[in-house]
Amino acid sequence: MYRFIPTLALLAACTQTPAPEDAPLSPEPAPVDLAFCLGEPFANSIGQPVSTIQAQLPERSRVLGPDGIATQDYRIDRLNVFVDETGIIQRLTCG
């Protein structure tokens, strides 16, 4: 009789539980305040090639690709420009 307990436990773990009906949708991300890192002039550059603004970026800025390596230190005065594989700007953040 006890030999069926592991099998029953595995079967119980495989059952699907229904999602709650009143689960709230994920909230929209808060707008990014780019004033701290001097990124406000570039806020409308999302969707454009990074080459169009790269010469005008502030001194403490970095362009990060999808496989780019970045330090984890947080600097509020640094502008982070995230680009995709083709160099199109995806998002801008301070830090």
Protein backbone atom coordinates (compact mmCIF):
# COMPACT_ATOMS: atom_id res chain seq x y z
CA MET A 1 0.00 0.00 0.00
CA TYR A 2 2.78 2.48 0.84
CA ARG A 3 4.50 1.84 -2.47
CA PHE A 4 1.81 3.89 -4.28
CA ILE A 5 2.41 7.08 -2.26
CA PRO A 6 5.28 8.39 -4.46
CA THR A 7 3.20 7.73 -7.58
CA LEU A 8 0.20 9.54 -6.13
CA ALA A 9 2.39 12.48 -5.11
CA LEU A 10 3.75 12.78 -8.66
CA LEU A 11 0.26 12.63 -10.13
CA ALA A 12 -0.96 15.30 -7.74
CA ALA A 13 1.93 17.57 -8.75
CA CYS A 14 1.00 17.22 -12.43
CA THR A 15 -2.57 18.42 -12.07
CA GLN A 16 -3.43 21.85 -13.38
CA THR A 17 -4.89 24.46 -11.14
CA PRO A 18 -7.13 27.06 -12.75
CA ALA A 19 -5.99 30.66 -12.71
CA PRO A 20 -8.04 32.97 -10.50
CA GLU A 21 -10.69 34.81 -12.48
CA ASP A 22 -10.12 38.16 -10.81
CA ALA A 23 -6.33 38.21 -11.16
CA PRO A 24 -5.25 41.79 -11.91
CA LEU A 25 -3.26 42.43 -15.04
CA SER A 26 0.34 43.47 -14.58
CA PRO A 27 0.54 47.23 -14.12
CA GLU A 28 2.11 49.37 -16.81
CA PRO A 29 5.71 50.28 -16.03
CA ALA A 30 6.17 53.67 -14.48
CA PRO A 31 7.55 56.32 -16.80
CA VAL A 32 11.29 56.69 -16.52
CA ASP A 33 12.56 60.05 -15.24
CA LEU A 34 15.61 60.70 -17.39
CA ALA A 35 16.37 64.10 -15.84
CA PHE A 36 18.93 62.64 -13.43
CA CYS A 37 21.15 61.27 -16.21
CA LEU A 38 20.59 64.01 -18.83
CA GLY A 39 18.62 61.65 -21.04
CA GLU A 40 15.48 63.75 -21.57
CA PRO A 41 16.51 64.98 -25.04
CA PHE A 42 16.76 61.35 -26.16
CA ALA A 43 13.41 60.13 -24.83
CA ASN A 44 11.84 60.22 -28.30
CA SER A 45 14.70 58.21 -29.83
CA ILE A 46 13.24 54.80 -28.99
CA GLY A 47 12.84 52.84 -32.21
CA GLN A 48 15.61 54.74 -34.01
CA PRO A 49 19.18 53.57 -34.71
CA VAL A 50 21.60 54.39 -31.92
CA SER A 51 24.03 55.79 -34.48
CA THR A 52 21.77 58.84 -34.90
CA ILE A 53 22.32 59.98 -31.29
CA GLN A 54 25.57 58.29 -30.26
CA ALA A 55 27.74 61.39 -30.78
CA GLN A 56 25.37 63.51 -28.66
CA LEU A 57 25.07 61.15 -25.67
CA PRO A 58 26.20 62.49 -22.29
CA GLU A 59 29.71 61.70 -21.09
CA ARG A 60 28.59 59.08 -18.56
CA SER A 61 26.42 56.98 -20.82
CA ARG A 62 26.71 53.46 -22.13
CA VAL A 63 25.15 51.55 -24.99
CA LEU A 64 24.20 48.00 -24.05
CA GLY A 65 23.43 45.32 -26.60
CA PRO A 66 21.44 42.14 -25.96
CA ASP A 67 24.61 40.16 -25.13
CA GLY A 68 26.53 43.10 -23.69
CA ILE A 69 28.35 42.90 -20.40
CA ALA A 70 27.69 45.66 -17.89
CA THR A 71 28.73 46.35 -14.33
CA GLN A 72 26.01 46.12 -11.70
CA ASP A 73 26.88 49.34 -9.90
CA TYR A 74 24.06 51.87 -9.80
CA ARG A 75 24.94 55.40 -10.89
CA ILE A 76 21.96 57.70 -11.15
CA ASP A 77 23.93 60.10 -13.36
CA ARG A 78 24.61 57.43 -16.03
CA LEU A 79 22.34 57.00 -19.06
CA ASN A 80 21.86 53.40 -20.21
CA VAL A 81 20.81 52.96 -23.84
CA PHE A 82 19.57 49.44 -24.55
CA VAL A 83 19.69 48.36 -28.19
CA ASP A 84 18.72 45.18 -30.05
CA GLU A 85 20.90 43.12 -32.40
CA THR A 86 20.47 45.62 -35.23
CA GLY A 87 21.32 48.71 -33.14
CA ILE A 88 17.77 49.98 -32.71
CA ILE A 89 17.14 51.68 -29.36
CA GLN A 90 14.73 49.63 -27.22
CA ARG A 91 14.71 51.58 -23.93
CA LEU A 92 16.51 54.23 -21.92
CA THR A 93 17.19 54.14 -18.19
CA CYS A 94 19.25 55.95 -15.62
CA GLY A 95 21.61 53.92 -13.48
